[in-house]
Amino acid sequence: MNKIEEQLMHAYATMVMGGAMSEDEVPETLVLIEGAEPTTMRELVKVEVARRIIEKLSQPEPEPTITEEVIGRIDAVEMAVVGLMEMLLATLIPPIPEVPEEPVEGGE
């Protein structure tokens, strides 16, 4: 397999994993690998997709970062500040009294 075929295989695998194409849409172009049996681009892509999935599943779940925790705290503080501002405004600005509507006389 030459460099172009390898890059093409990686591109096809990326498109398959991204849902832009299915494995069945990958061409069955014959690919010769030194020291191995002839195979097709489709078979190589299937193997590459499987390898990527296994690699992804083998990685441990990342722990939440300090940044995510800080953002959560900032959101909580923001909500508290908004609540306090609403309470403060409610005490500073007296409620507007409702004026009863007077019936209109001599209307059309």
C-alpha atoms as a PDB file:
ATOM      1  CA  MET A   1       0.000   0.000   0.000  1.00  0.00           C
ATOM      2  CA  ASN A   2       1.462   3.327  -0.970  1.00  0.00           C
ATOM      3  CA  LYS A   3       1.170   6.632   0.908  1.00  0.00           C
ATOM      4  CA  ILE A   4      -1.777   7.884  -1.178  1.00  0.00           C
ATOM      5  CA  GLU A   5      -3.748   4.669  -0.592  1.00  0.00           C
ATOM      6  CA  GLU A   6      -3.041   4.934   3.135  1.00  0.00           C
ATOM      7  CA  GLN A   7      -4.257   8.545   3.272  1.00  0.00           C
ATOM      8  CA  LEU A   8      -7.308   7.610   1.230  1.00  0.00           C
ATOM      9  CA  MET A   9      -8.071   4.741   3.618  1.00  0.00           C
ATOM     10  CA  HIS A  10      -7.877   7.131   6.602  1.00  0.00           C
ATOM     11  CA  ALA A  11     -10.130   9.632   4.813  1.00  0.00           C
ATOM     12  CA  TYR A  12     -12.719   6.950   4.035  1.00  0.00           C
ATOM     13  CA  ALA A  13     -12.598   5.703   7.640  1.00  0.00           C
ATOM     14  CA  THR A  14     -13.162   9.243   8.927  1.00  0.00           C
ATOM     15  CA  MET A  15     -16.135   9.723   6.599  1.00  0.00           C
ATOM     16  CA  VAL A  16     -17.621   6.367   7.641  1.00  0.00           C
ATOM     17  CA  MET A  17     -17.221   7.176  11.334  1.00  0.00           C
ATOM     18  CA  GLY A  18     -18.696  10.638  10.793  1.00  0.00           C
ATOM     19  CA  GLY A  19     -21.728   9.214   9.017  1.00  0.00           C
ATOM     20  CA  ALA A  20     -20.945  10.930   5.707  1.00  0.00           C
ATOM     21  CA  MET A  21     -20.874   7.551   3.975  1.00  0.00           C
ATOM     22  CA  SER A  22     -21.469   3.899   4.799  1.00  0.00           C
ATOM     23  CA  GLU A  23     -18.905   1.111   4.637  1.00  0.00           C
ATOM     24  CA  ASP A  24     -20.779  -0.258   1.624  1.00  0.00           C
ATOM     25  CA  GLU A  25     -20.111   2.988  -0.271  1.00  0.00           C
ATOM     26  CA  VAL A  26     -16.332   2.587   0.056  1.00  0.00           C
ATOM     27  CA  PRO A  27     -15.004   1.302  -3.284  1.00  0.00           C
ATOM     28  CA  GLU A  28     -13.716  -2.239  -3.509  1.00  0.00           C
ATOM     29  CA  THR A  29     -10.484  -1.105  -5.123  1.00  0.00           C
ATOM     30  CA  LEU A  30      -7.774  -3.754  -4.942  1.00  0.00           C
ATOM     31  CA  VAL A  31      -4.944  -2.817  -2.578  1.00  0.00           C
ATOM     32  CA  LEU A  32      -1.646  -4.688  -2.460  1.00  0.00           C
ATOM     33  CA  ILE A  33       0.154  -4.737   0.877  1.00  0.00           C
ATOM     34  CA  GLU A  34       3.738  -5.946   0.904  1.00  0.00           C
ATOM     35  CA  GLY A  35       4.029  -9.320   2.633  1.00  0.00           C
ATOM     36  CA  ALA A  36       0.254  -9.817   2.851  1.00  0.00           C
ATOM     37  CA  GLU A  37      -2.598 -11.130   0.753  1.00  0.00           C
ATOM     38  CA  PRO A  38      -4.274  -8.685  -1.659  1.00  0.00           C
ATOM     39  CA  THR A  39      -7.279  -6.958  -0.111  1.00  0.00           C
ATOM     40  CA  THR A  40      -9.749  -4.202  -0.925  1.00  0.00           C
ATOM     41  CA  MET A  41     -10.005  -0.616   0.234  1.00  0.00           C
ATOM     42  CA  ARG A  42     -13.388  -1.456   1.778  1.00  0.00           C
ATOM     43  CA  GLU A  43     -11.878  -4.209   3.930  1.00  0.00           C
ATOM     44  CA  LEU A  44      -9.022  -1.943   5.024  1.00  0.00           C
ATOM     45  CA  VAL A  45     -11.526   0.771   5.972  1.00  0.00           C
ATOM     46  CA  LYS A  46     -13.577  -1.714   8.013  1.00  0.00           C
ATOM     47  CA  VAL A  47     -10.433  -2.721   9.903  1.00  0.00           C
ATOM     48  CA  GLU A  48      -9.429   0.924  10.461  1.00  0.00           C
ATOM     49  CA  VAL A  49     -12.903   1.857  11.734  1.00  0.00           C
ATOM     50  CA  ALA A  50     -12.847  -1.114  14.120  1.00  0.00           C
ATOM     51  CA  ARG A  51      -9.346  -0.144  15.297  1.00  0.00           C
ATOM     52  CA  ARG A  52     -10.486   3.428  16.010  1.00  0.00           C
ATOM     53  CA  ILE A  53     -13.557   2.244  17.920  1.00  0.00           C
ATOM     54  CA  ILE A  54     -11.473  -0.131  20.035  1.00  0.00           C
ATOM     55  CA  GLU A  55      -8.928   2.621  20.690  1.00  0.00           C
ATOM     56  CA  LYS A  56     -11.678   5.001  21.772  1.00  0.00           C
ATOM     57  CA  LEU A  57     -13.319   2.409  24.038  1.00  0.00           C
ATOM     58  CA  SER A  58      -9.953   1.514  25.584  1.00  0.00           C
ATOM     59  CA  GLN A  59      -9.346   5.039  26.828  1.00  0.00           C
ATOM     60  CA  PRO A  60     -10.476   5.771  30.384  1.00  0.00           C
ATOM     61  CA  GLU A  61     -13.255   8.287  30.956  1.00  0.00           C
ATOM     62  CA  PRO A  62     -11.708  11.688  31.558  1.00  0.00           C
ATOM     63  CA  GLU A  63     -12.327  13.117  34.997  1.00  0.00           C
ATOM     64  CA  PRO A  64     -14.140  16.429  35.160  1.00  0.00           C
ATOM     65  CA  THR A  65     -11.678  19.254  34.919  1.00  0.00           C
ATOM     66  CA  ILE A  66     -11.360  22.068  37.393  1.00  0.00           C
ATOM     67  CA  THR A  67     -12.665  24.350  34.674  1.00  0.00           C
ATOM     68  CA  GLU A  68     -15.989  22.457  34.482  1.00  0.00           C
ATOM     69  CA  GLU A  69     -16.347  22.630  38.268  1.00  0.00           C
ATOM     70  CA  VAL A  70     -15.567  26.360  38.293  1.00  0.00           C
ATOM     71  CA  ILE A  71     -18.085  27.011  35.497  1.00  0.00           C
ATOM     72  CA  GLY A  72     -20.739  25.193  37.533  1.00  0.00           C
ATOM     73  CA  ARG A  73     -19.987  27.358  40.552  1.00  0.00           C
ATOM     74  CA  ILE A  74     -20.027  30.541  38.465  1.00  0.00           C
ATOM     75  CA  ASP A  75     -23.456  29.580  37.105  1.00  0.00           C
ATOM     76  CA  ALA A  76     -24.754  29.055  40.649  1.00  0.00           C
ATOM     77  CA  VAL A  77     -23.369  32.419  41.793  1.00  0.00           C
ATOM     78  CA  GLU A  78     -24.862  34.121  38.722  1.00  0.00           C
ATOM     79  CA  MET A  79     -28.290  32.718  39.525  1.00  0.00           C
ATOM     80  CA  ALA A  80     -27.993  33.839  43.149  1.00  0.00           C
ATOM     81  CA  VAL A  81     -26.958  37.367  42.111  1.00  0.00           C
ATOM     82  CA  VAL A  82     -29.893  37.633  39.696  1.00  0.00           C
ATOM     83  CA  GLY A  83     -32.263  36.534  42.460  1.00  0.00           C
ATOM     84  CA  LEU A  84     -30.820  39.083  44.891  1.00  0.00           C
ATOM     85  CA  MET A  85     -31.056  41.858  42.286  1.00  0.00           C
ATOM     86  CA  GLU A  86     -34.707  41.034  41.656  1.00  0.00           C
ATOM     87  CA  MET A  87     -35.412  41.140  45.395  1.00  0.00           C
ATOM     88  CA  LEU A  88     -33.564  44.460  45.751  1.00  0.00           C
ATOM     89  CA  LEU A  89     -35.423  46.016  42.842  1.00  0.00           C
ATOM     90  CA  ALA A  90     -38.727  44.819  44.267  1.00  0.00           C
ATOM     91  CA  THR A  91     -37.995  46.651  47.535  1.00  0.00           C
ATOM     92  CA  LEU A  92     -36.666  49.844  45.920  1.00  0.00           C
ATOM     93  CA  ILE A  93     -39.331  50.330  43.283  1.00  0.00           C
ATOM     94  CA  PRO A  94     -42.829  50.559  44.741  1.00  0.00           C
ATOM     95  CA  PRO A  95     -45.488  48.666  42.848  1.00  0.00           C
ATOM     96  CA  ILE A  96     -47.484  50.723  40.370  1.00  0.00           C
ATOM     97  CA  PRO A  97     -51.064  51.041  41.626  1.00  0.00           C
ATOM     98  CA  GLU A  98     -53.735  49.832  39.269  1.00  0.00           C
ATOM     99  CA  VAL A  99     -55.993  52.599  37.979  1.00  0.00           C
ATOM    100  CA  PRO A 100     -59.544  51.460  37.381  1.00  0.00           C
ATOM    101  CA  GLU A 101     -60.745  52.154  33.882  1.00  0.00           C
ATOM    102  CA  GLU A 102     -63.613  54.598  33.635  1.00  0.00           C
ATOM    103  CA  PRO A 103     -66.360  53.731  31.186  1.00  0.00           C
ATOM    104  CA  VAL A 104     -66.312  55.848  28.043  1.00  0.00           C
ATOM    105  CA  GLU A 105     -69.486  57.858  27.614  1.00  0.00           C
ATOM    106  CA  GLY A 106     -70.943  58.789  24.270  1.00  0.00           C
ATOM    107  CA  GLY A 107     -68.918  56.341  22.263  1.00  0.00           C
ATOM    108  CA  GLU A 108     -69.771  55.463  18.686  1.00  0.00           C
END
